[in-house]
């Protein structure tokens, strides 16, 4: 069973990691020097062009690792920019090759030398960047937030900053801070190439720095994991985001991007992607998020085995998120409507699922899992993932009939009934007489399933992140233990054995003495 406890990494391991970082940094400097030298040469053949992409059959796209751009999941790769780039590659009928990086300067070099054809990395259009690069049409607008740790004095303007501010080198934050300094000479900050935005948030929470700056879309995702991050003020008016191509790129690639973004704006692709990654996290609730994270640590371990057992082909973390939304993992929960138990089943549903006691934790989870899988199976095959999951969740809450009524209304109004982002705006119409009087199943509290699905998606995202972090920490600890046992990492004087290895060694010593 995964334990959601913070694992302390020993000083010796940290020292070793720092040594590796120094080595990587030296290598990065060498790469930057070499590529900078190459970029000084005029290589017209390396300029990005649509014809070159089509001839070779693939496109190289540069991006950042991170929650808004590109990351790995149990089911493959994900990220707003990754999915959008994949659709662009599909529109050209070529293979997508992602070239990720942790460094913005490195991405700029790769773009200028032709190693990547374009950058899809949530990049703001700024005055300085316009002088060096070309941009595709904007697809989103964000603002830049100065953030601090909850509980500290909130800075409401630049003059209120009294501590250490750190931002990533080469970012648009630097450009905007430089503008602010012209009118606020007291403003100072530090720049780093070693840490990304998420790592800087962690440093704010640990007290290593007092402030950092982050894009609003990135912050929206990360506040589900770091609820104690608070917003001080916006350092810049909203800025458009866009893909970037080199200054020497051919016009044909920019023309194809103009056509592509016109299409995805028109056909709802951008709207659907925006909902998938940001639609459920627009409203942040500090208390609710903190309460959930505490419950993951204190309550979930009692029931995790059951969620894993009955989820089967589903992600057990999604099943756990549904249960938390329903009962807050309370086996004896009851609502005013008469539903009860961990999965809050009605008497009729429990009977259909073969459940004898709704207050029996295992039976309730088994019945809820079975019922949710039935809801998924009822969705038409043409509905893609993850929309079919969100539709199934709405059905779990409001019923399949009312969901279909909302889909019919969506279609009548010219929307796509197979996209959750379209249907969720019509579900509240089931509360209005002029709409529900023309439906098969009549009135329904249509706003409830919208909030229901959004909440579960937030819980699921947070739980997945916590689970992945716990696994990373467990692997790091396991590696430390293996190195100790192999003699590669002997303990320094006074250094304690890592847990649970220390316990195992003590037990072995007792057996030896006996």
Protein backbone atom coordinates (compact mmCIF):
# COMPACT_ATOMS: atom_id res chain seq x y z
CA UNK A 1 0.00 0.00 0.00
CA UNK A 2 1.38 3.43 -0.94
CA UNK A 3 1.92 5.67 2.04
CA UNK A 4 1.38 9.36 1.42
CA UNK A 5 4.04 10.58 3.81
CA UNK A 6 6.93 12.95 3.05
CA UNK A 7 10.15 10.99 2.74
CA UNK A 8 13.27 12.82 3.96
CA UNK A 9 16.19 12.46 1.59
CA UNK A 10 19.50 12.09 3.39
CA UNK A 11 22.18 14.73 3.16
CA UNK A 12 24.52 12.29 1.47
CA UNK A 13 22.03 11.67 -1.33
CA UNK A 14 21.47 15.39 -1.76
CA UNK A 15 25.23 15.96 -2.02
CA UNK A 16 25.47 13.29 -4.69
CA UNK A 17 22.56 14.85 -6.62
CA UNK A 18 24.20 18.27 -6.39
CA UNK A 19 27.37 16.78 -7.82
CA UNK A 20 25.38 15.35 -10.71
CA UNK A 21 23.72 18.74 -11.28
CA UNK A 22 27.13 20.42 -11.50
CA UNK A 23 28.18 17.86 -14.11
CA UNK A 24 24.96 18.38 -16.08
CA UNK A 25 25.41 22.16 -15.85
CA UNK A 26 28.93 21.93 -17.23
CA UNK A 27 27.66 19.75 -20.07
CA UNK A 28 24.89 22.24 -20.77
CA UNK A 29 27.41 25.08 -21.02
CA UNK A 30 29.39 23.03 -23.52
CA UNK A 31 26.25 22.39 -25.57
CA UNK A 32 25.31 26.06 -25.49
CA UNK A 33 28.82 27.09 -26.58
CA UNK A 34 28.86 24.59 -29.43
CA UNK A 35 25.39 25.37 -30.70
CA UNK A 36 25.94 29.12 -30.36
CA UNK A 37 29.00 28.76 -32.56
CA UNK A 38 26.98 26.86 -35.14
CA UNK A 39 24.17 29.39 -35.06
CA UNK A 40 26.64 32.08 -36.05
CA UNK A 41 26.97 30.36 -39.41
CA UNK A 42 24.42 31.08 -42.11
CA UNK A 43 22.65 27.77 -42.67
CA UNK A 44 19.72 28.42 -44.94
CA UNK A 45 19.13 24.68 -45.34
CA UNK A 46 18.35 24.49 -41.62
CA UNK A 47 15.55 27.05 -41.79
CA UNK A 48 12.20 25.55 -40.91
CA UNK A 49 9.84 25.10 -43.83
CA UNK A 50 6.67 23.18 -44.52
CA UNK A 51 8.19 21.53 -47.59
CA UNK A 52 11.11 20.19 -45.54
CA UNK A 53 8.72 18.77 -42.94
CA UNK A 54 6.54 17.10 -45.56
CA UNK A 55 9.52 15.67 -47.46
CA UNK A 56 11.09 14.00 -44.44
CA UNK A 57 7.75 12.87 -42.95
CA UNK A 58 8.09 14.25 -39.41
CA UNK A 59 8.08 17.51 -37.49
CA UNK A 60 10.37 18.37 -34.57
CA UNK A 61 8.59 20.38 -31.89
CA UNK A 62 10.44 21.89 -28.95
CA UNK A 63 8.70 22.27 -25.60
CA UNK A 64 9.18 22.22 -21.84
CA UNK A 65 8.64 19.39 -19.45
CA UNK A 66 5.74 20.35 -17.18
CA UNK A 67 1.99 20.12 -16.48
CA UNK A 68 0.93 22.66 -19.11
CA UNK A 69 3.19 21.42 -21.91
CA UNK A 70 4.45 17.84 -21.91
CA UNK A 71 4.69 15.06 -19.35
CA UNK A 72 4.48 11.29 -19.04
CA UNK A 73 1.49 9.44 -17.61
CA UNK A 74 0.72 5.76 -17.07
CA UNK A 75 -1.12 5.83 -20.40
CA UNK A 76 1.52 7.66 -22.41
CA UNK A 77 2.29 11.32 -22.99
CA UNK A 78 0.03 14.23 -22.12
CA UNK A 79 -0.03 18.02 -21.89
CA UNK A 80 -1.99 20.80 -23.57
CA UNK A 81 0.87 21.73 -25.91
CA UNK A 82 1.66 18.09 -26.68
CA UNK A 83 -1.91 17.31 -27.70
CA UNK A 84 -2.19 20.44 -29.80
CA UNK A 85 1.13 19.70 -31.52
CA UNK A 86 -0.04 16.15 -32.17
CA UNK A 87 -3.14 17.47 -33.91
CA UNK A 88 -1.00 19.80 -36.02
CA UNK A 89 1.23 16.89 -37.07
CA UNK A 90 -1.85 14.85 -37.92
CA UNK A 91 -3.19 17.70 -40.06
CA UNK A 92 0.08 17.54 -42.04
CA UNK A 93 0.02 13.72 -42.08
CA UNK A 94 3.52 13.56 -40.56
CA UNK A 95 5.02 12.03 -37.42
CA UNK A 96 5.33 14.20 -34.31
CA UNK A 97 8.74 14.20 -32.63
CA UNK A 98 8.82 16.06 -29.35
CA UNK A 99 12.17 17.50 -28.26
CA UNK A 100 11.69 18.51 -24.61
CA UNK A 101 13.97 20.69 -22.52
CA UNK A 102 14.23 22.28 -19.10
CA UNK A 103 15.90 25.42 -20.47
CA UNK A 104 14.26 28.20 -22.47
CA UNK A 105 17.62 29.43 -23.79
CA UNK A 106 18.37 25.90 -25.00
CA UNK A 107 15.04 25.81 -26.86
CA UNK A 108 15.81 29.15 -28.52
CA UNK A 109 19.17 27.78 -29.70
CA UNK A 110 17.55 24.64 -31.08
CA UNK A 111 15.01 26.80 -32.93
CA UNK A 112 17.67 29.04 -34.46
CA UNK A 113 19.85 26.12 -35.59
CA UNK A 114 16.92 24.25 -37.12
CA UNK A 115 17.06 21.33 -34.68
CA UNK A 116 13.39 22.02 -33.98
CA UNK A 117 10.89 23.38 -36.49
CA UNK A 118 8.82 25.31 -33.97
CA UNK A 119 8.35 25.85 -30.23
CA UNK A 120 5.06 24.91 -28.57
CA UNK A 121 5.80 25.78 -24.95
CA UNK A 122 3.19 28.23 -23.57
CA UNK A 123 5.34 31.17 -24.66
CA UNK A 124 4.10 34.75 -24.29
CA UNK A 125 4.33 37.14 -27.20
CA UNK A 126 6.60 39.95 -25.97
CA UNK A 127 8.25 42.94 -27.64
CA UNK A 128 11.76 41.50 -27.36
CA UNK A 129 10.70 38.12 -28.70
CA UNK A 130 8.98 39.73 -31.70
CA UNK A 131 12.35 41.21 -32.65
CA UNK A 132 13.99 37.76 -32.71
CA UNK A 133 11.25 35.32 -33.74
CA UNK A 134 7.99 34.92 -35.63
CA UNK A 135 4.73 33.87 -34.01
CA UNK A 136 1.74 31.80 -35.08
CA UNK A 137 -1.76 33.06 -34.20
CA UNK A 138 -2.44 33.27 -30.47
CA UNK A 139 -4.51 30.46 -28.94
CA UNK A 140 -4.79 31.57 -25.29
CA UNK A 141 -4.36 34.57 -23.02
CA UNK A 142 -2.71 34.40 -19.60
CA UNK A 143 -1.55 36.78 -16.90
CA UNK A 144 1.60 36.63 -14.78
CA UNK A 145 1.08 36.31 -11.04
CA UNK A 146 3.51 37.12 -8.28
CA UNK A 147 2.91 34.48 -5.61
CA UNK A 148 3.87 33.96 -1.97
CA UNK A 149 3.21 31.48 0.85
CA UNK A 150 -0.18 31.52 2.56
CA UNK A 151 0.14 33.01 6.05
CA UNK A 152 2.84 35.51 5.15
CA UNK A 153 2.08 39.19 4.57
CA UNK A 154 0.46 39.61 1.20
CA UNK A 155 2.27 41.97 -1.19
CA UNK A 156 -0.33 43.93 -3.11
CA UNK A 157 2.10 45.94 -5.22
CA UNK A 158 5.79 46.13 -6.07
CA UNK A 159 6.52 48.47 -3.14
CA UNK A 160 5.34 45.76 -0.70
CA UNK A 161 8.05 43.28 -1.73
CA UNK A 162 10.45 42.85 1.17
CA UNK A 163 12.01 39.45 0.55
CA UNK A 164 13.76 37.34 -2.04
CA UNK A 165 12.18 37.12 -5.51
CA UNK A 166 13.43 34.48 -7.93
CA UNK A 167 12.37 33.73 -11.52
CA UNK A 168 13.63 31.54 -14.35
CA UNK A 169 16.34 32.94 -16.61
CA UNK A 170 15.27 33.96 -20.11
CA UNK A 171 11.58 33.93 -19.23
CA UNK A 172 9.14 36.69 -20.14
CA UNK A 173 8.97 37.36 -16.38
CA UNK A 174 12.44 38.90 -16.58
CA UNK A 175 11.38 41.16 -19.41
CA UNK A 176 8.33 42.36 -17.46
CA UNK A 177 10.29 42.83 -14.24
CA UNK A 178 12.82 44.95 -16.14
CA UNK A 179 9.95 47.19 -17.27
CA UNK A 180 8.66 47.47 -13.71
CA UNK A 181 12.11 48.43 -12.45
CA UNK A 182 12.05 51.56 -14.59
CA UNK A 183 9.33 52.94 -12.31
CA UNK A 184 10.31 51.01 -9.16
CA UNK A 185 14.07 51.36 -8.77
CA UNK A 186 13.97 49.42 -5.48
CA UNK A 187 12.81 46.23 -7.26
CA UNK A 188 15.39 43.42 -7.25
CA UNK A 189 15.24 39.76 -8.20
CA UNK A 190 17.41 36.73 -8.84
CA UNK A 191 17.39 34.60 -11.99
CA UNK A 192 17.98 30.84 -12.14
CA UNK A 193 18.59 28.29 -14.88
CA UNK A 194 18.46 25.37 -12.45
CA UNK A 195 14.80 25.46 -11.44
CA UNK A 196 11.53 25.56 -13.35
CA UNK A 197 8.31 27.26 -12.24
CA UNK A 198 7.04 24.28 -10.24
CA UNK A 199 10.35 23.92 -8.40
CA UNK A 200 10.30 27.62 -7.54
CA UNK A 201 6.81 27.19 -6.08
CA UNK A 202 8.21 24.46 -3.84
CA UNK A 203 10.98 26.84 -2.76
CA UNK A 204 8.40 29.45 -1.83
CA UNK A 205 6.62 26.90 0.35
CA UNK A 206 9.87 25.76 1.99
CA UNK A 207 10.84 29.36 2.80
CA UNK A 208 14.00 29.32 0.65
CA UNK A 209 12.59 32.22 -1.34
CA UNK A 210 9.74 34.60 -0.58
CA UNK A 211 8.24 35.16 -4.03
CA UNK A 212 8.24 33.92 -7.58
CA UNK A 213 6.28 34.67 -10.74
CA UNK A 214 4.20 32.12 -12.63
CA UNK A 215 1.71 32.10 -15.51
CA UNK A 216 -1.94 31.98 -14.46
CA UNK A 217 -2.66 28.74 -16.34
CA UNK A 218 0.32 26.98 -14.75
CA UNK A 219 -0.67 28.33 -11.34
CA UNK A 220 -4.23 27.03 -11.73
CA UNK A 221 -2.91 23.49 -12.16
CA UNK A 222 -0.31 23.69 -9.41
CA UNK A 223 -2.59 25.13 -6.72
CA UNK A 224 -4.32 21.75 -6.62
CA UNK A 225 -1.01 20.33 -5.40
CA UNK A 226 0.32 23.35 -3.53
CA UNK A 227 -2.78 24.93 -1.93
CA UNK A 228 -0.67 27.19 0.32
CA UNK A 229 0.52 29.18 -2.68
CA UNK A 230 -1.31 32.52 -2.69
CA UNK A 231 -1.50 35.31 -5.26
CA UNK A 232 -0.05 38.69 -4.43
CA UNK A 233 -0.72 40.68 -7.59
CA UNK A 234 -0.40 40.54 -11.39
CA UNK A 235 2.90 41.91 -12.66
CA UNK A 236 1.63 42.33 -16.22
CA UNK A 237 -1.64 42.77 -18.07
CA UNK A 238 -2.88 39.61 -19.83
CA UNK A 239 -0.53 38.40 -22.57
CA UNK A 240 -1.28 36.17 -25.57
CA UNK A 241 0.41 32.79 -25.91
CA UNK A 242 1.52 31.50 -29.30
CA UNK A 243 3.78 29.00 -31.02
CA UNK A 244 7.11 30.34 -32.18
CA UNK A 245 9.16 29.81 -35.36
CA UNK A 246 12.59 31.17 -36.20
CA UNK A 247 13.08 34.54 -37.85
CA UNK A 248 14.52 32.77 -40.91
CA UNK A 249 11.68 30.28 -41.23
CA UNK A 250 9.93 30.02 -44.59
CA UNK A 251 6.55 31.64 -45.06
CA UNK A 252 4.92 28.31 -45.91
CA UNK A 253 5.20 26.98 -42.35
CA UNK A 254 3.70 30.15 -40.90
CA UNK A 255 0.89 30.00 -43.46
CA UNK A 256 0.13 26.40 -42.46
CA UNK A 257 0.01 27.44 -38.79
CA UNK A 258 -2.41 30.26 -39.58
CA UNK A 259 -4.65 27.76 -41.36
CA UNK A 260 -4.35 25.19 -38.55
CA UNK A 261 -5.22 27.59 -35.73
CA UNK A 262 -8.10 28.98 -37.72
CA UNK A 263 -9.45 25.44 -38.04
CA UNK A 264 -9.03 24.41 -34.37
CA UNK A 265 -10.60 27.67 -33.24
CA UNK A 266 -13.59 27.02 -35.48
CA UNK A 267 -14.18 23.29 -34.91
CA UNK A 268 -14.00 23.39 -31.10
CA UNK A 269 -10.69 21.55 -30.74
CA UNK A 270 -9.11 24.38 -28.72
CA UNK A 271 -12.21 24.70 -26.58
CA UNK A 272 -12.16 20.98 -25.79
CA UNK A 273 -8.44 20.96 -24.97
CA UNK A 274 -8.83 24.01 -22.76
CA UNK A 275 -11.63 22.30 -20.85
CA UNK A 276 -9.64 19.08 -20.53
CA UNK A 277 -6.68 20.75 -18.86
CA UNK A 278 -8.13 23.87 -17.24
CA UNK A 279 -11.93 23.70 -17.30
CA UNK A 280 -12.27 21.97 -13.92
CA UNK A 281 -9.71 24.06 -12.02
CA UNK A 282 -10.95 27.58 -12.62
CA UNK A 283 -12.38 27.87 -9.10
CA UNK A 284 -9.80 27.26 -6.37
CA UNK A 285 -10.90 26.51 -2.80
CA UNK A 286 -8.06 26.58 -0.30
CA UNK A 287 -9.88 24.88 2.58
CA UNK A 288 -11.36 22.16 0.37
CA UNK A 289 -7.99 21.38 -1.24
CA UNK A 290 -6.19 21.25 2.11
CA UNK A 291 -8.89 19.00 3.56
CA UNK A 292 -8.61 16.60 0.65
CA UNK A 293 -4.82 16.38 0.84
CA UNK A 294 -5.06 15.62 4.58
CA UNK A 295 -7.67 12.93 3.89
CA UNK A 296 -5.37 11.33 1.31
CA UNK A 297 -2.71 10.98 4.00
CA UNK A 298 -4.91 9.94 6.93
CA UNK A 299 -8.00 8.18 5.56
CA UNK A 300 -7.30 6.84 2.07
CA UNK A 301 -4.72 4.21 3.15
CA UNK A 302 -7.52 2.33 4.96
CA UNK A 303 -9.44 1.85 1.73
CA UNK A 304 -6.89 2.05 -1.08
CA UNK A 305 -6.64 -1.75 -1.41
CA UNK A 306 -10.38 -1.97 -2.05
CA UNK A 307 -10.32 0.77 -4.69
CA UNK A 308 -7.44 -1.01 -6.44
CA UNK A 309 -9.25 -4.36 -6.22
CA UNK A 310 -12.54 -3.25 -7.75
CA UNK A 311 -11.31 -0.59 -10.18
CA UNK A 312 -9.81 -3.32 -12.41
CA UNK A 313 -9.52 -1.76 -15.88
CA UNK A 314 -10.31 1.69 -14.43
CA UNK A 315 -7.76 3.88 -12.70
CA UNK A 316 -8.29 3.19 -8.98
CA UNK A 317 -7.50 6.84 -8.27
CA UNK A 318 -10.52 7.92 -10.31
CA UNK A 319 -12.72 5.50 -8.34
CA UNK A 320 -11.28 6.90 -5.10
CA UNK A 321 -11.97 10.46 -6.30
CA UNK A 322 -15.61 9.56 -7.02
CA UNK A 323 -15.94 8.07 -3.54
CA UNK A 324 -14.45 11.17 -1.91
CA UNK A 325 -16.89 13.41 -3.78
CA UNK A 326 -19.75 11.16 -2.73
CA UNK A 327 -18.96 10.48 0.94
CA UNK A 328 -15.56 11.96 1.82
CA UNK A 329 -14.57 8.32 2.39
CA UNK A 330 -17.11 7.93 5.17
CA UNK A 331 -18.58 4.37 5.12
CA UNK A 332 -21.67 5.47 7.05
CA UNK A 333 -22.41 8.65 5.09
CA UNK A 334 -26.05 9.51 4.42
CA UNK A 335 -27.66 12.25 2.32
CA UNK A 336 -31.08 13.85 2.57
CA UNK A 337 -32.10 11.94 -0.57
CA UNK A 338 -31.53 8.58 1.12
CA UNK A 339 -28.35 7.47 -0.63
CA UNK A 340 -25.80 5.87 1.71
CA UNK A 341 -22.31 4.48 2.11
CA UNK A 342 -18.86 5.04 0.62
CA UNK A 343 -20.25 5.33 -2.92
CA UNK A 344 -23.62 6.79 -1.86
CA UNK A 345 -25.79 4.26 -3.68
CA UNK A 346 -29.58 4.38 -3.81
CA UNK A 347 -31.50 1.31 -2.66
CA UNK A 348 -32.53 0.59 -6.25
CA UNK A 349 -28.98 0.87 -7.60
CA UNK A 350 -27.59 -1.26 -4.78
CA UNK A 351 -30.15 -3.97 -5.57
CA UNK A 352 -29.28 -3.87 -9.30
CA UNK A 353 -25.57 -4.21 -8.47
CA UNK A 354 -26.17 -7.14 -6.11
CA UNK A 355 -25.28 -5.18 -2.97
CA UNK A 356 -26.95 -6.37 0.26
CA UNK A 357 -25.57 -3.73 2.61
CA UNK A 358 -24.75 -0.22 1.47
CA UNK A 359 -22.95 0.39 4.77
CA UNK A 360 -20.49 -2.42 4.15
CA UNK A 361 -17.43 -0.63 2.80
CA UNK A 362 -16.28 -3.34 0.43
CA UNK A 363 -19.76 -4.00 -0.94
CA UNK A 364 -20.33 -0.28 -1.49
CA UNK A 365 -17.05 0.17 -3.41
CA UNK A 366 -17.72 -2.97 -5.45
CA UNK A 367 -21.24 -1.77 -6.29
CA UNK A 368 -20.12 1.77 -7.11
CA UNK A 369 -17.35 0.53 -9.40
CA UNK A 370 -19.74 -1.81 -11.18
CA UNK A 371 -22.34 0.91 -11.64
CA UNK A 372 -19.79 3.44 -12.94
CA UNK A 373 -18.47 0.92 -15.47
CA UNK A 374 -22.06 0.40 -16.62
CA UNK A 375 -22.40 4.16 -17.14
CA UNK A 376 -19.24 4.18 -19.27
CA UNK A 377 -20.51 1.25 -21.35
CA UNK A 378 -23.75 3.14 -22.06
CA UNK A 379 -21.91 6.00 -23.73
CA UNK A 380 -21.94 5.87 -27.55
CA UNK A 381 -18.71 4.49 -29.04
CA UNK A 382 -18.16 7.66 -31.06
CA UNK A 383 -17.59 9.72 -27.89
CA UNK A 384 -13.81 9.91 -27.41
CA UNK A 385 -11.85 9.75 -24.17
CA UNK A 386 -11.73 11.47 -21.79
CA UNK A 387 -15.15 12.95 -22.65
CA UNK A 388 -16.87 9.58 -22.25
CA UNK A 389 -15.52 9.42 -18.67
CA UNK A 390 -16.90 12.88 -17.86
CA UNK A 391 -20.25 11.92 -19.41
CA UNK A 392 -20.28 8.73 -17.36
CA UNK A 393 -19.60 10.73 -14.19
CA UNK A 394 -22.46 13.09 -15.00
CA UNK A 395 -24.73 10.06 -15.53
CA UNK A 396 -23.61 8.61 -12.19
CA UNK A 397 -24.81 11.84 -10.61
CA UNK A 398 -27.91 12.90 -12.56
CA UNK A 399 -28.88 9.81 -14.54
CA UNK A 400 -28.36 8.73 -18.13
CA UNK A 401 -31.74 10.08 -19.25
CA UNK A 402 -31.15 13.64 -18.11
CA UNK A 403 -27.67 13.59 -19.62
CA UNK A 404 -29.14 12.59 -22.98
CA UNK A 405 -31.69 15.40 -22.70
CA UNK A 406 -28.80 17.87 -22.32
CA UNK A 407 -27.01 16.32 -25.29
CA UNK A 408 -30.14 16.73 -27.42
CA UNK A 409 -30.42 20.39 -26.39
CA UNK A 410 -26.75 20.83 -27.31
CA UNK A 411 -27.36 19.39 -30.76
CA UNK A 412 -30.46 21.55 -31.31
CA UNK A 413 -28.40 24.64 -30.50
CA UNK A 414 -25.70 23.71 -33.00
CA UNK A 415 -23.20 22.37 -30.49
CA UNK A 416 -21.40 19.04 -30.46
CA UNK A 417 -23.31 16.55 -28.25
CA UNK A 418 -20.21 14.34 -28.00
CA UNK A 419 -18.02 16.99 -26.34
CA UNK A 420 -18.28 17.45 -22.59
CA UNK A 421 -17.24 21.10 -22.83
CA UNK A 422 -20.33 21.75 -24.98
CA UNK A 423 -22.82 19.66 -23.02
CA UNK A 424 -21.83 20.93 -19.59
CA UNK A 425 -22.93 24.44 -20.58
CA UNK A 426 -26.38 23.06 -21.48
CA UNK A 427 -26.96 20.87 -18.42
CA UNK A 428 -28.06 23.87 -16.29
CA UNK A 429 -30.77 24.55 -18.88
CA UNK A 430 -32.61 21.49 -17.52
CA UNK A 431 -33.63 23.76 -14.63
CA UNK A 432 -35.42 26.18 -16.94
CA UNK A 433 -39.00 25.40 -17.90
CA UNK A 434 -38.74 26.57 -21.50
CA UNK A 435 -36.09 23.87 -22.04
CA UNK A 436 -37.07 20.98 -19.80
CA UNK A 437 -40.73 21.01 -20.89
CA UNK A 438 -39.52 19.80 -24.31
CA UNK A 439 -37.31 17.02 -22.95
CA UNK A 440 -38.14 13.35 -22.40
CA UNK A 441 -37.16 13.25 -18.72
CA UNK A 442 -38.16 16.75 -17.66
CA UNK A 443 -36.74 18.89 -14.89
CA UNK A 444 -33.34 18.19 -13.34
CA UNK A 445 -30.89 20.13 -11.17
CA UNK A 446 -28.52 20.46 -14.09
CA UNK A 447 -25.90 22.56 -12.33
CA UNK A 448 -25.13 19.74 -9.88
CA UNK A 449 -23.51 17.31 -12.35
CA UNK A 450 -21.31 20.12 -13.70
CA UNK A 451 -19.91 20.86 -10.23
CA UNK A 452 -19.82 17.14 -9.49
CA UNK A 453 -17.64 16.33 -12.49
CA UNK A 454 -15.37 19.34 -11.95
CA UNK A 455 -14.79 18.36 -8.32
CA UNK A 456 -13.96 14.75 -9.16
CA UNK A 457 -11.55 15.83 -11.88
CA UNK A 458 -9.76 18.09 -9.39
CA UNK A 459 -9.57 15.33 -6.78
CA UNK A 460 -8.35 12.87 -9.40
CA UNK A 461 -5.62 15.24 -10.64
CA UNK A 462 -4.43 15.95 -7.10
CA UNK A 463 -4.51 12.29 -6.07
CA UNK A 464 -2.61 11.24 -9.21
CA UNK A 465 0.06 13.87 -8.53
CA UNK A 466 0.41 12.82 -4.88
CA UNK A 467 0.58 9.16 -5.86
CA UNK A 468 3.27 9.80 -8.47
CA UNK A 469 5.29 11.89 -6.02
CA UNK A 470 5.07 9.14 -3.40
CA UNK A 471 6.30 6.60 -5.95
CA UNK A 472 9.22 8.85 -6.91
CA UNK A 473 10.19 9.23 -3.26
CA UNK A 474 9.88 5.50 -2.69
CA UNK A 475 12.16 4.80 -5.66
CA UNK A 476 14.72 7.31 -4.40
CA UNK A 477 14.67 5.66 -0.98
CA UNK A 478 14.93 2.20 -2.49
CA UNK A 479 17.94 3.29 -4.54
CA UNK A 480 19.57 4.72 -1.42
CA UNK A 481 19.00 1.45 0.42
CA UNK A 482 20.41 -0.63 -2.45
CA UNK A 483 23.51 1.56 -2.62
CA UNK A 484 24.04 1.10 1.10
CA UNK A 485 23.70 -2.68 0.88
CA UNK A 486 26.04 -2.86 -2.11
CA UNK A 487 28.65 -0.74 -0.34
CA UNK A 488 28.46 2.04 -2.96
CA UNK A 489 27.11 4.51 -0.45
CA UNK A 490 28.55 3.81 3.04
CA UNK A 491 27.08 5.82 5.88
CA UNK A 492 28.99 8.74 7.33
CA UNK A 493 29.69 8.89 11.06
CA UNK A 494 26.47 9.58 12.94
CA UNK A 495 24.25 9.16 9.86
CA UNK A 496 21.10 7.12 10.46
CA UNK A 497 20.04 4.27 8.25
CA UNK A 498 17.12 5.11 5.96
CA UNK A 499 13.70 3.82 6.94
CA UNK A 500 12.59 1.09 6.56
CA UNK A 501 16.09 -0.31 6.02
CA UNK A 502 17.11 0.56 9.59
CA UNK A 503 14.24 -1.53 10.91
CA UNK A 504 15.19 -4.47 8.71
CA UNK A 505 18.82 -4.36 9.84
CA UNK A 506 17.81 -4.24 13.51
CA UNK A 507 15.56 -7.26 13.00
CA UNK A 508 18.41 -9.09 11.26
CA UNK A 509 20.72 -8.26 14.15
CA UNK A 510 18.23 -9.71 16.64
CA UNK A 511 17.97 -12.92 14.65
CA UNK A 512 21.77 -13.17 14.54
CA UNK A 513 22.05 -12.73 18.32
CA UNK A 514 19.44 -15.42 18.89
